[in-house]
């Protein structure tokens, strides 16, 4: 009974509550054995939650590639000809979705965006200008910009990003002060560090 209710709720969410729509490449594709992606969602999901993909011949899909993570068919929660359900990996970032199929890749026309609870847990006490700095937190791979006091001292390219570690080089124009971390999830945020970074 719970499974039936869950499926009905998922379909309702997909069709009503924030469904991400993808344009059909060809109206005749539904009548063929081509793999097609019609929609996915619900939008606003968080890493670790389930999302669904609706289309045709989805039973042929061997993997779903998200930005930052890949879910193999063996890890799908459900897979039928008309839908697939997966759990969103923690490493997922904002980006298009690619379905892997024998006939080739099917790439979504819209991006998957999530509602991500980014937190900053550690900023170094000090750093030299131009030095490599490691910031720690949760879902810091969603940080798109770090501002060192003013827009002239901002970083938008990073040495590396993971769910827990953000590595960057401090700009030459950086001065002592708090850092502002800008994120790019469904609800963009600016998070200011609790303590200042002393530039030596």
N, C-alpha and C. Protein backbone atom coordinates (compact mmCIF):
# COMPACT_ATOMS: atom_id res chain seq x y z
N UNK A 1 0.83 -1.21 0.00
CA UNK A 1 0.00 0.00 0.00
C UNK A 1 0.87 1.26 0.00
N UNK A 2 1.95 1.24 0.83
CA UNK A 2 2.84 2.39 0.88
C UNK A 2 3.52 2.62 -0.46
N UNK A 3 3.87 1.51 -1.14
CA UNK A 3 4.53 1.64 -2.44
C UNK A 3 3.60 2.30 -3.45
N UNK A 4 2.33 1.91 -3.46
CA UNK A 4 1.36 2.50 -4.39
C UNK A 4 1.18 3.98 -4.10
N UNK A 5 1.04 4.32 -2.81
CA UNK A 5 0.87 5.72 -2.44
C UNK A 5 2.10 6.54 -2.81
N UNK A 6 3.30 5.95 -2.60
CA UNK A 6 4.54 6.65 -2.94
C UNK A 6 4.60 6.94 -4.44
N UNK A 7 4.26 5.93 -5.25
CA UNK A 7 4.30 6.12 -6.70
C UNK A 7 3.30 7.18 -7.14
N UNK A 8 2.09 7.14 -6.55
CA UNK A 8 1.09 8.14 -6.91
C UNK A 8 1.55 9.54 -6.52
N UNK A 9 2.17 9.64 -5.34
CA UNK A 9 2.67 10.94 -4.88
C UNK A 9 3.79 11.44 -5.78
N UNK A 10 4.71 10.53 -6.18
CA UNK A 10 5.81 10.92 -7.04
C UNK A 10 5.30 11.43 -8.38
N UNK A 11 4.35 10.70 -8.97
CA UNK A 11 3.80 11.14 -10.26
C UNK A 11 3.10 12.48 -10.11
N UNK A 12 2.40 12.67 -9.00
CA UNK A 12 1.71 13.94 -8.78
C UNK A 12 2.72 15.07 -8.64
N UNK A 13 3.81 14.82 -7.91
CA UNK A 13 4.86 15.83 -7.78
C UNK A 13 5.50 16.16 -9.11
N UNK A 14 5.74 15.11 -9.90
CA UNK A 14 6.36 15.32 -11.21
C UNK A 14 5.46 16.15 -12.13
N UNK A 15 4.16 15.90 -12.06
CA UNK A 15 3.26 16.56 -12.99
C UNK A 15 2.76 17.91 -12.51
N UNK A 16 2.78 18.14 -11.17
CA UNK A 16 2.18 19.37 -10.65
C UNK A 16 3.19 20.24 -9.92
N UNK A 17 3.95 19.68 -8.98
CA UNK A 17 4.79 20.49 -8.08
C UNK A 17 6.19 20.66 -8.62
N UNK A 18 6.38 21.62 -9.50
CA UNK A 18 7.72 21.98 -9.96
C UNK A 18 8.30 21.04 -10.98
N UNK A 19 7.47 20.48 -11.83
CA UNK A 19 7.98 19.59 -12.87
C UNK A 19 8.87 20.33 -13.84
N UNK A 20 10.03 19.76 -14.14
CA UNK A 20 10.94 20.33 -15.13
C UNK A 20 10.58 19.73 -16.47
N UNK A 21 10.18 20.54 -17.40
CA UNK A 21 9.75 20.02 -18.69
C UNK A 21 10.86 20.07 -19.71
N UNK A 22 10.91 19.05 -20.54
CA UNK A 22 11.88 18.99 -21.62
C UNK A 22 11.10 18.88 -22.93
N UNK A 23 11.48 19.68 -23.91
CA UNK A 23 10.79 19.64 -25.19
C UNK A 23 11.04 18.33 -25.90
N UNK A 24 10.02 17.82 -26.60
CA UNK A 24 10.17 16.62 -27.40
C UNK A 24 10.98 16.95 -28.64
N UNK A 25 11.91 16.07 -28.98
CA UNK A 25 12.67 16.27 -30.21
C UNK A 25 11.78 16.02 -31.43
N UNK A 26 10.85 15.08 -31.30
CA UNK A 26 10.06 14.67 -32.45
C UNK A 26 8.81 13.98 -31.94
N UNK A 27 7.63 14.46 -32.33
CA UNK A 27 6.38 13.87 -31.87
C UNK A 27 6.27 12.40 -32.26
N UNK A 28 6.92 12.02 -33.36
CA UNK A 28 6.85 10.63 -33.81
C UNK A 28 7.76 9.71 -33.00
N UNK A 29 8.64 10.32 -32.16
CA UNK A 29 9.60 9.50 -31.42
C UNK A 29 8.89 8.56 -30.45
N UNK A 30 7.70 9.01 -29.95
CA UNK A 30 6.96 8.20 -29.01
C UNK A 30 6.55 6.88 -29.64
N UNK A 31 6.36 6.85 -30.95
CA UNK A 31 5.88 5.65 -31.64
C UNK A 31 7.02 4.74 -32.07
N UNK A 32 8.26 5.13 -31.81
CA UNK A 32 9.40 4.33 -32.23
C UNK A 32 10.04 3.66 -31.02
N UNK A 33 11.15 2.98 -31.26
CA UNK A 33 11.85 2.35 -30.14
C UNK A 33 12.99 3.22 -29.64
N UNK A 34 13.01 4.50 -30.04
CA UNK A 34 14.01 5.44 -29.55
C UNK A 34 13.80 5.73 -28.07
N UNK A 35 14.90 5.95 -27.37
CA UNK A 35 14.82 6.42 -25.99
C UNK A 35 14.56 7.92 -26.03
N UNK A 36 13.53 8.37 -25.35
CA UNK A 36 13.24 9.80 -25.28
C UNK A 36 13.05 10.21 -23.83
N UNK A 37 13.47 11.43 -23.52
CA UNK A 37 13.27 12.01 -22.19
C UNK A 37 12.25 13.13 -22.34
N UNK A 38 11.12 12.99 -21.64
CA UNK A 38 10.06 13.99 -21.75
C UNK A 38 10.09 14.98 -20.59
N UNK A 39 10.44 14.51 -19.40
CA UNK A 39 10.48 15.40 -18.24
C UNK A 39 11.22 14.74 -17.09
N UNK A 40 11.63 15.55 -16.11
CA UNK A 40 12.23 15.01 -14.91
C UNK A 40 11.99 15.97 -13.76
N UNK A 41 12.05 15.45 -12.56
CA UNK A 41 11.82 16.29 -11.40
C UNK A 41 11.39 15.46 -10.19
N UNK A 42 10.87 16.06 -9.15
CA UNK A 42 10.50 17.47 -9.08
C UNK A 42 11.71 18.38 -8.85
N UNK A 43 11.61 19.61 -9.35
CA UNK A 43 12.65 20.59 -9.09
C UNK A 43 12.59 20.96 -7.61
N UNK A 44 13.69 21.41 -7.08
CA UNK A 44 13.73 21.76 -5.67
C UNK A 44 14.11 20.60 -4.77
N UNK A 45 14.40 19.43 -5.36
CA UNK A 45 14.84 18.29 -4.56
C UNK A 45 16.22 18.57 -3.97
N UNK A 46 16.58 17.79 -2.96
CA UNK A 46 17.89 17.92 -2.32
C UNK A 46 18.73 16.68 -2.60
N UNK A 47 20.05 16.80 -2.52
CA UNK A 47 20.88 15.61 -2.62
C UNK A 47 20.42 14.58 -1.58
N UNK A 48 20.36 13.32 -2.01
CA UNK A 48 19.89 12.26 -1.13
C UNK A 48 18.41 11.95 -1.28
N UNK A 49 17.67 12.83 -1.97
CA UNK A 49 16.26 12.58 -2.22
C UNK A 49 16.07 11.91 -3.58
N UNK A 50 14.87 11.40 -3.82
CA UNK A 50 14.58 10.72 -5.07
C UNK A 50 14.02 11.70 -6.10
N UNK A 51 14.43 11.51 -7.37
CA UNK A 51 13.83 12.24 -8.48
C UNK A 51 13.46 11.24 -9.56
N UNK A 52 12.49 11.61 -10.40
CA UNK A 52 12.02 10.72 -11.44
C UNK A 52 12.25 11.29 -12.83
N UNK A 53 12.38 10.38 -13.79
CA UNK A 53 12.53 10.73 -15.20
C UNK A 53 11.40 10.04 -15.95
N UNK A 54 10.70 10.80 -16.79
CA UNK A 54 9.59 10.26 -17.56
C UNK A 54 9.94 10.32 -19.04
N UNK A 55 9.64 9.27 -19.77
CA UNK A 55 9.95 9.24 -21.20
C UNK A 55 9.47 7.95 -21.83
N UNK A 56 10.11 7.55 -22.91
CA UNK A 56 9.76 6.31 -23.58
C UNK A 56 11.00 5.45 -23.75
N UNK A 57 10.81 4.16 -23.67
CA UNK A 57 11.90 3.18 -23.82
C UNK A 57 13.03 3.40 -22.82
N UNK A 58 12.68 3.89 -21.64
CA UNK A 58 13.70 4.17 -20.62
C UNK A 58 14.29 2.89 -20.02
N UNK A 59 13.67 1.77 -20.30
CA UNK A 59 14.23 0.49 -19.85
C UNK A 59 15.56 0.18 -20.55
N UNK A 60 15.89 0.91 -21.62
CA UNK A 60 17.16 0.72 -22.33
C UNK A 60 18.29 1.56 -21.75
N UNK A 61 17.96 2.49 -20.86
CA UNK A 61 18.98 3.40 -20.30
C UNK A 61 19.93 2.61 -19.40
N UNK A 62 21.22 2.79 -19.62
CA UNK A 62 22.24 2.06 -18.85
C UNK A 62 22.84 2.89 -17.73
N UNK A 63 22.70 4.21 -17.79
CA UNK A 63 23.21 5.08 -16.74
C UNK A 63 22.64 6.48 -16.93
N UNK A 64 22.60 7.24 -15.85
CA UNK A 64 22.20 8.65 -15.91
C UNK A 64 23.36 9.47 -15.38
N UNK A 65 23.86 10.37 -16.22
CA UNK A 65 25.01 11.20 -15.86
C UNK A 65 24.51 12.58 -15.44
N UNK A 66 24.77 12.93 -14.19
CA UNK A 66 24.48 14.26 -13.67
C UNK A 66 25.81 15.00 -13.56
N UNK A 67 25.77 16.31 -13.50
CA UNK A 67 27.03 17.03 -13.33
C UNK A 67 27.61 16.67 -11.97
N UNK A 68 28.80 16.08 -11.99
CA UNK A 68 29.47 15.72 -10.75
C UNK A 68 29.24 14.30 -10.29
N UNK A 69 28.31 13.58 -10.92
CA UNK A 69 28.03 12.21 -10.46
C UNK A 69 27.35 11.41 -11.57
N UNK A 70 27.54 10.09 -11.51
CA UNK A 70 26.89 9.17 -12.45
C UNK A 70 26.17 8.09 -11.66
N UNK A 71 24.94 7.79 -12.08
CA UNK A 71 24.16 6.72 -11.45
C UNK A 71 23.99 5.61 -12.47
N UNK A 72 24.58 4.45 -12.20
CA UNK A 72 24.47 3.30 -13.09
C UNK A 72 23.10 2.65 -12.92
N UNK A 73 22.66 1.93 -13.96
CA UNK A 73 21.34 1.31 -13.96
C UNK A 73 21.15 0.39 -12.74
N UNK A 74 22.21 -0.28 -12.32
CA UNK A 74 22.10 -1.18 -11.18
C UNK A 74 21.70 -0.45 -9.89
N UNK A 75 21.95 0.88 -9.85
CA UNK A 75 21.63 1.67 -8.66
C UNK A 75 20.30 2.40 -8.77
N UNK A 76 19.58 2.25 -9.92
CA UNK A 76 18.28 2.89 -10.05
C UNK A 76 17.33 2.31 -8.99
N UNK A 77 16.51 3.16 -8.40
CA UNK A 77 15.48 2.68 -7.48
C UNK A 77 14.37 1.95 -8.23
N UNK A 78 14.03 2.47 -9.40
CA UNK A 78 13.03 1.84 -10.27
C UNK A 78 13.42 2.12 -11.71
N UNK A 79 13.09 1.20 -12.62
CA UNK A 79 13.31 1.42 -14.04
C UNK A 79 12.27 0.63 -14.83
N UNK A 80 11.46 1.34 -15.60
CA UNK A 80 10.50 0.72 -16.51
C UNK A 80 10.64 1.43 -17.85
N UNK A 81 9.82 1.06 -18.82
CA UNK A 81 9.87 1.69 -20.13
C UNK A 81 9.50 3.16 -20.07
N UNK A 82 8.64 3.55 -19.11
CA UNK A 82 8.17 4.93 -19.09
C UNK A 82 8.70 5.78 -17.95
N UNK A 83 9.41 5.18 -17.00
CA UNK A 83 9.98 6.03 -15.95
C UNK A 83 11.18 5.37 -15.28
N UNK A 84 12.03 6.24 -14.72
CA UNK A 84 13.18 5.83 -13.91
C UNK A 84 13.16 6.69 -12.65
N UNK A 85 13.47 6.07 -11.51
CA UNK A 85 13.60 6.81 -10.26
C UNK A 85 15.00 6.56 -9.71
N UNK A 86 15.68 7.65 -9.33
CA UNK A 86 17.02 7.52 -8.75
C UNK A 86 17.09 8.35 -7.47
N UNK A 87 18.10 8.05 -6.67
CA UNK A 87 18.44 8.90 -5.53
C UNK A 87 19.55 9.84 -5.97
N UNK A 88 19.37 11.12 -5.74
CA UNK A 88 20.36 12.12 -6.18
C UNK A 88 21.64 11.98 -5.36
N UNK A 89 22.78 11.70 -6.01
CA UNK A 89 24.04 11.57 -5.27
C UNK A 89 24.44 12.89 -4.59
N UNK A 90 25.16 12.77 -3.49
CA UNK A 90 25.60 13.95 -2.74
C UNK A 90 26.49 14.86 -3.58
N UNK A 91 27.24 14.29 -4.53
CA UNK A 91 28.21 15.06 -5.33
C UNK A 91 27.57 15.85 -6.47
N UNK A 92 26.27 15.67 -6.69
CA UNK A 92 25.60 16.29 -7.83
C UNK A 92 25.68 17.81 -7.77
N UNK A 93 25.89 18.43 -8.95
CA UNK A 93 25.89 19.89 -9.07
C UNK A 93 24.85 20.29 -10.12
N UNK A 94 24.62 21.58 -10.24
CA UNK A 94 23.67 22.10 -11.22
C UNK A 94 24.19 21.85 -12.63
N UNK A 95 23.33 21.31 -13.50
CA UNK A 95 23.75 21.04 -14.87
C UNK A 95 22.75 20.20 -15.63
N UNK A 96 23.04 19.97 -16.90
CA UNK A 96 22.16 19.14 -17.73
C UNK A 96 22.29 17.69 -17.30
N UNK A 97 21.31 16.89 -17.71
CA UNK A 97 21.27 15.47 -17.40
C UNK A 97 21.47 14.70 -18.70
N UNK A 98 22.29 13.66 -18.65
CA UNK A 98 22.54 12.83 -19.84
C UNK A 98 22.13 11.39 -19.55
N UNK A 99 21.24 10.86 -20.40
CA UNK A 99 20.85 9.46 -20.32
C UNK A 99 21.72 8.67 -21.29
N UNK A 100 22.38 7.64 -20.78
CA UNK A 100 23.20 6.77 -21.61
C UNK A 100 22.34 5.64 -22.16
N UNK A 101 22.36 5.45 -23.50
CA UNK A 101 21.56 4.41 -24.13
C UNK A 101 22.36 3.81 -25.28
N UNK A 102 22.03 2.59 -25.71
CA UNK A 102 22.76 1.95 -26.81
C UNK A 102 22.82 2.80 -28.08
N UNK A 103 21.77 3.58 -28.33
CA UNK A 103 21.72 4.39 -29.56
C UNK A 103 22.49 5.69 -29.45
N UNK A 104 22.97 6.01 -28.24
CA UNK A 104 23.71 7.25 -28.04
C UNK A 104 23.19 8.02 -26.84
N UNK A 105 23.82 9.14 -26.55
CA UNK A 105 23.44 9.96 -25.40
C UNK A 105 22.19 10.77 -25.67
N UNK A 106 21.33 10.87 -24.67
CA UNK A 106 20.15 11.75 -24.72
C UNK A 106 20.39 12.82 -23.67
N UNK A 107 20.56 14.07 -24.11
CA UNK A 107 20.90 15.18 -23.21
C UNK A 107 19.68 16.06 -23.01
N UNK A 108 19.38 16.38 -21.75
CA UNK A 108 18.22 17.22 -21.46
C UNK A 108 18.41 18.62 -21.99
N UNK A 109 17.30 19.27 -22.33
CA UNK A 109 17.33 20.65 -22.82
C UNK A 109 17.28 21.64 -21.66
N UNK A 110 16.96 21.16 -20.47
CA UNK A 110 16.94 22.01 -19.28
C UNK A 110 17.91 21.46 -18.26
N UNK A 111 18.28 22.28 -17.28
CA UNK A 111 19.24 21.85 -16.27
C UNK A 111 18.52 21.32 -15.04
N UNK A 112 19.19 20.41 -14.36
CA UNK A 112 18.73 19.95 -13.06
C UNK A 112 19.32 20.91 -12.03
N UNK A 113 18.44 21.49 -11.23
CA UNK A 113 18.90 22.35 -10.14
C UNK A 113 18.33 21.79 -8.85
N UNK A 114 19.01 22.00 -7.76
CA UNK A 114 18.61 21.42 -6.48
C UNK A 114 18.50 22.49 -5.42
N UNK A 115 17.86 22.12 -4.32
CA UNK A 115 17.77 22.97 -3.15
C UNK A 115 18.84 22.46 -2.17
N UNK A 116 19.96 23.16 -2.11
CA UNK A 116 21.14 22.61 -1.42
C UNK A 116 21.46 23.43 -0.17
N UNK A 117 21.56 22.78 1.00
CA UNK A 117 21.87 23.48 2.26
C UNK A 117 23.37 23.66 2.44
N UNK A 118 23.94 24.67 1.77
CA UNK A 118 25.39 24.93 1.85
C UNK A 118 25.73 25.52 3.21
N UNK A 119 26.78 24.99 3.84
CA UNK A 119 27.28 25.57 5.09
C UNK A 119 28.80 25.69 5.02
N UNK A 120 29.33 26.68 5.70
CA UNK A 120 30.78 26.87 5.80
C UNK A 120 31.17 26.60 7.25
N UNK A 121 32.07 25.62 7.44
CA UNK A 121 32.44 25.24 8.81
C UNK A 121 33.85 25.66 9.19
N UNK A 122 34.73 25.92 8.21
CA UNK A 122 36.10 26.30 8.55
C UNK A 122 36.72 27.17 7.47
N UNK A 123 37.23 28.32 7.91
CA UNK A 123 38.01 29.22 7.07
C UNK A 123 39.35 29.41 7.79
N UNK A 124 40.48 29.31 7.08
CA UNK A 124 41.77 29.48 7.76
C UNK A 124 41.86 30.83 8.45
N UNK A 125 42.65 30.89 9.50
CA UNK A 125 42.81 32.15 10.24
C UNK A 125 43.61 33.16 9.43
N UNK A 126 44.54 32.67 8.61
CA UNK A 126 45.38 33.59 7.84
C UNK A 126 45.86 32.92 6.56
N UNK A 127 46.29 33.75 5.61
CA UNK A 127 46.84 33.25 4.34
C UNK A 127 47.62 34.36 3.68
N UNK A 128 48.62 33.98 2.88
CA UNK A 128 49.39 34.97 2.11
C UNK A 128 48.66 35.29 0.82
N UNK A 129 48.88 36.48 0.27
CA UNK A 129 48.27 36.84 -1.01
C UNK A 129 48.69 35.85 -2.08
N UNK A 130 47.73 35.36 -2.85
CA UNK A 130 48.02 34.43 -3.92
C UNK A 130 48.23 33.00 -3.47
N UNK A 131 48.15 32.75 -2.16
CA UNK A 131 48.36 31.40 -1.64
C UNK A 131 47.11 30.54 -1.85
N UNK A 132 47.30 29.23 -1.83
CA UNK A 132 46.18 28.30 -1.94
C UNK A 132 45.49 28.19 -0.58
N UNK A 133 44.17 28.32 -0.61
CA UNK A 133 43.36 28.31 0.61
C UNK A 133 42.35 27.18 0.52
N UNK A 134 42.18 26.44 1.61
CA UNK A 134 41.18 25.38 1.66
C UNK A 134 40.07 25.78 2.63
N UNK A 135 38.84 25.77 2.12
CA UNK A 135 37.65 26.07 2.92
C UNK A 135 36.92 24.75 3.14
N UNK A 136 36.38 24.54 4.34
CA UNK A 136 35.63 23.31 4.61
C UNK A 136 34.19 23.63 4.94
N UNK A 137 33.31 22.68 4.60
CA UNK A 137 31.88 22.86 4.88
C UNK A 137 31.08 21.70 4.34
N UNK A 138 29.82 21.94 4.09
CA UNK A 138 28.96 20.93 3.47
C UNK A 138 28.39 21.50 2.18
N UNK A 139 28.42 20.69 1.14
CA UNK A 139 27.95 21.08 -0.20
C UNK A 139 28.64 22.34 -0.72
N UNK A 140 29.93 22.49 -0.37
CA UNK A 140 30.66 23.66 -0.87
C UNK A 140 30.97 23.54 -2.36
N UNK A 141 30.69 22.38 -2.96
CA UNK A 141 30.82 22.26 -4.42
C UNK A 141 29.79 23.12 -5.15
N UNK A 142 28.80 23.65 -4.44
CA UNK A 142 27.80 24.54 -5.03
C UNK A 142 28.20 26.01 -4.94
N UNK A 143 29.36 26.30 -4.34
CA UNK A 143 29.84 27.69 -4.27
C UNK A 143 30.39 28.09 -5.64
N UNK A 144 29.92 29.21 -6.16
CA UNK A 144 30.35 29.67 -7.48
C UNK A 144 31.23 30.92 -7.42
N UNK A 145 31.27 31.54 -6.25
CA UNK A 145 32.04 32.79 -6.14
C UNK A 145 32.42 33.00 -4.67
N UNK A 146 33.67 33.43 -4.46
CA UNK A 146 34.11 33.80 -3.11
C UNK A 146 34.65 35.22 -3.20
N UNK A 147 34.06 36.12 -2.41
CA UNK A 147 34.45 37.53 -2.43
C UNK A 147 35.26 37.87 -1.18
N UNK A 148 36.41 38.48 -1.41
CA UNK A 148 37.30 38.88 -0.33
C UNK A 148 37.09 40.35 -0.02
N UNK A 149 35.96 40.70 0.54
CA UNK A 149 35.72 42.07 0.97
C UNK A 149 35.10 42.99 -0.07
N UNK A 150 35.47 42.85 -1.35
CA UNK A 150 34.88 43.70 -2.38
C UNK A 150 34.93 42.97 -3.72
N UNK A 151 34.17 43.48 -4.68
CA UNK A 151 34.04 42.79 -5.97
C UNK A 151 35.36 42.74 -6.75
N UNK A 152 36.30 43.62 -6.40
CA UNK A 152 37.60 43.59 -7.07
C UNK A 152 38.47 42.44 -6.58
N UNK A 153 38.08 41.84 -5.47
CA UNK A 153 38.84 40.72 -4.91
C UNK A 153 37.91 39.52 -4.79
N UNK A 154 37.56 38.95 -5.94
CA UNK A 154 36.65 37.80 -5.96
C UNK A 154 37.24 36.67 -6.78
N UNK A 155 36.89 35.45 -6.41
CA UNK A 155 37.36 34.25 -7.11
C UNK A 155 36.16 33.50 -7.66
N UNK A 156 36.20 33.18 -8.96
CA UNK A 156 35.13 32.40 -9.57
C UNK A 156 35.65 31.10 -10.20
N UNK A 157 36.97 30.94 -10.21
CA UNK A 157 37.58 29.70 -10.68
C UNK A 157 38.33 29.07 -9.52
N UNK A 158 38.18 27.74 -9.39
CA UNK A 158 38.69 27.06 -8.21
C UNK A 158 39.70 26.00 -8.59
N UNK A 159 40.64 25.75 -7.66
CA UNK A 159 41.62 24.68 -7.87
C UNK A 159 40.90 23.35 -7.87
N UNK A 160 39.97 23.17 -6.93
CA UNK A 160 39.15 21.96 -6.87
C UNK A 160 37.95 22.20 -5.98
N UNK A 161 36.90 21.37 -6.20
CA UNK A 161 35.70 21.45 -5.38
C UNK A 161 35.21 20.03 -5.10
N UNK A 162 34.88 19.75 -3.85
CA UNK A 162 34.19 18.52 -3.48
C UNK A 162 33.03 18.92 -2.58
N UNK A 163 32.28 17.95 -2.13
CA UNK A 163 31.15 18.24 -1.24
C UNK A 163 31.63 18.93 0.03
N UNK A 164 32.81 18.56 0.52
CA UNK A 164 33.29 19.08 1.81
C UNK A 164 34.46 20.06 1.73
N UNK A 165 35.17 20.10 0.60
CA UNK A 165 36.36 20.95 0.49
C UNK A 165 36.31 21.85 -0.74
N UNK A 166 36.61 23.13 -0.53
CA UNK A 166 36.71 24.11 -1.60
C UNK A 166 38.13 24.67 -1.57
N UNK A 167 38.87 24.45 -2.65
CA UNK A 167 40.27 24.89 -2.71
C UNK A 167 40.39 25.99 -3.75
N UNK A 168 40.99 27.11 -3.37
CA UNK A 168 41.11 28.26 -4.28
C UNK A 168 42.41 29.00 -4.00
N UNK A 169 42.76 29.87 -4.93
CA UNK A 169 43.92 30.75 -4.74
C UNK A 169 43.40 32.14 -4.41
N UNK A 170 43.90 32.69 -3.32
CA UNK A 170 43.47 34.03 -2.93
C UNK A 170 43.93 35.06 -3.95
N UNK A 171 43.07 36.02 -4.29
CA UNK A 171 43.46 37.04 -5.27
C UNK A 171 44.55 37.96 -4.74
N UNK A 172 45.32 38.52 -5.66
CA UNK A 172 46.42 39.41 -5.28
C UNK A 172 45.90 40.68 -4.60
N UNK A 173 44.62 41.01 -4.87
CA UNK A 173 44.04 42.24 -4.31
C UNK A 173 43.34 41.99 -2.97
N UNK A 174 43.42 40.77 -2.45
CA UNK A 174 42.71 40.44 -1.21
C UNK A 174 43.25 41.23 -0.03
N UNK A 175 42.34 41.62 0.85
CA UNK A 175 42.71 42.29 2.10
C UNK A 175 42.04 41.55 3.26
N UNK A 176 42.52 41.80 4.46
CA UNK A 176 41.96 41.14 5.63
C UNK A 176 40.47 41.46 5.77
N UNK A 177 39.68 40.43 6.05
CA UNK A 177 38.24 40.62 6.23
C UNK A 177 37.50 39.30 6.11
N UNK A 178 36.21 39.36 6.31
CA UNK A 178 35.39 38.16 6.18
C UNK A 178 35.24 37.81 4.69
N UNK A 179 34.94 36.55 4.42
CA UNK A 179 34.71 36.09 3.05
C UNK A 179 33.22 35.91 2.83
N UNK A 180 32.77 36.17 1.60
CA UNK A 180 31.38 35.95 1.25
C UNK A 180 31.33 34.87 0.18
N UNK A 181 30.58 33.80 0.46
CA UNK A 181 30.46 32.67 -0.44
C UNK A 181 29.10 32.73 -1.13
N UNK A 182 29.10 32.81 -2.46
CA UNK A 182 27.86 32.86 -3.23
C UNK A 182 27.56 31.49 -3.82
N UNK A 183 26.32 31.04 -3.70
CA UNK A 183 25.93 29.72 -4.18
C UNK A 183 24.94 29.84 -5.33
N UNK A 184 24.77 28.74 -6.06
CA UNK A 184 23.93 28.76 -7.27
C UNK A 184 22.93 27.62 -7.26
N UNK A 185 22.21 27.45 -6.15
CA UNK A 185 21.15 26.44 -6.10
C UNK A 185 19.84 27.11 -6.46
N UNK A 186 18.72 26.42 -6.27
CA UNK A 186 17.41 27.00 -6.62
C UNK A 186 17.19 28.31 -5.88
N UNK A 187 17.64 28.37 -4.63
CA UNK A 187 17.58 29.62 -3.87
C UNK A 187 19.00 30.09 -3.64
N UNK A 188 19.54 30.96 -4.53
CA UNK A 188 20.91 31.44 -4.38
C UNK A 188 21.12 32.12 -3.02
N UNK A 189 22.28 31.91 -2.44
CA UNK A 189 22.58 32.49 -1.13
C UNK A 189 23.95 33.14 -1.13
N UNK A 190 24.12 34.12 -0.25
CA UNK A 190 25.42 34.68 0.07
C UNK A 190 25.68 34.36 1.54
N UNK A 191 26.75 33.62 1.80
CA UNK A 191 27.08 33.20 3.16
C UNK A 191 28.37 33.89 3.58
N UNK A 192 28.32 34.65 4.67
CA UNK A 192 29.50 35.35 5.15
C UNK A 192 30.19 34.53 6.24
N UNK A 193 31.51 34.44 6.17
CA UNK A 193 32.25 33.69 7.18
C UNK A 193 32.13 34.37 8.53
N UNK A 194 32.12 33.55 9.58
CA UNK A 194 31.98 34.09 10.93
C UNK A 194 33.21 34.89 11.35
N UNK A 195 34.38 34.42 10.94
CA UNK A 195 35.63 35.06 11.34
C UNK A 195 36.37 35.61 10.12
N UNK A 196 37.12 36.68 10.29
CA UNK A 196 37.88 37.23 9.15
C UNK A 196 39.07 36.36 8.78
N UNK A 197 39.48 36.44 7.52
CA UNK A 197 40.71 35.83 7.06
C UNK A 197 41.78 36.91 7.05
N UNK A 198 42.84 36.69 7.80
CA UNK A 198 43.93 37.68 7.88
C UNK A 198 44.88 37.43 6.69
N UNK A 199 45.04 38.47 5.86
CA UNK A 199 45.95 38.39 4.73
C UNK A 199 47.32 38.89 5.17
N UNK A 200 48.32 38.02 5.09
CA UNK A 200 49.66 38.38 5.58
C UNK A 200 50.52 38.96 4.47
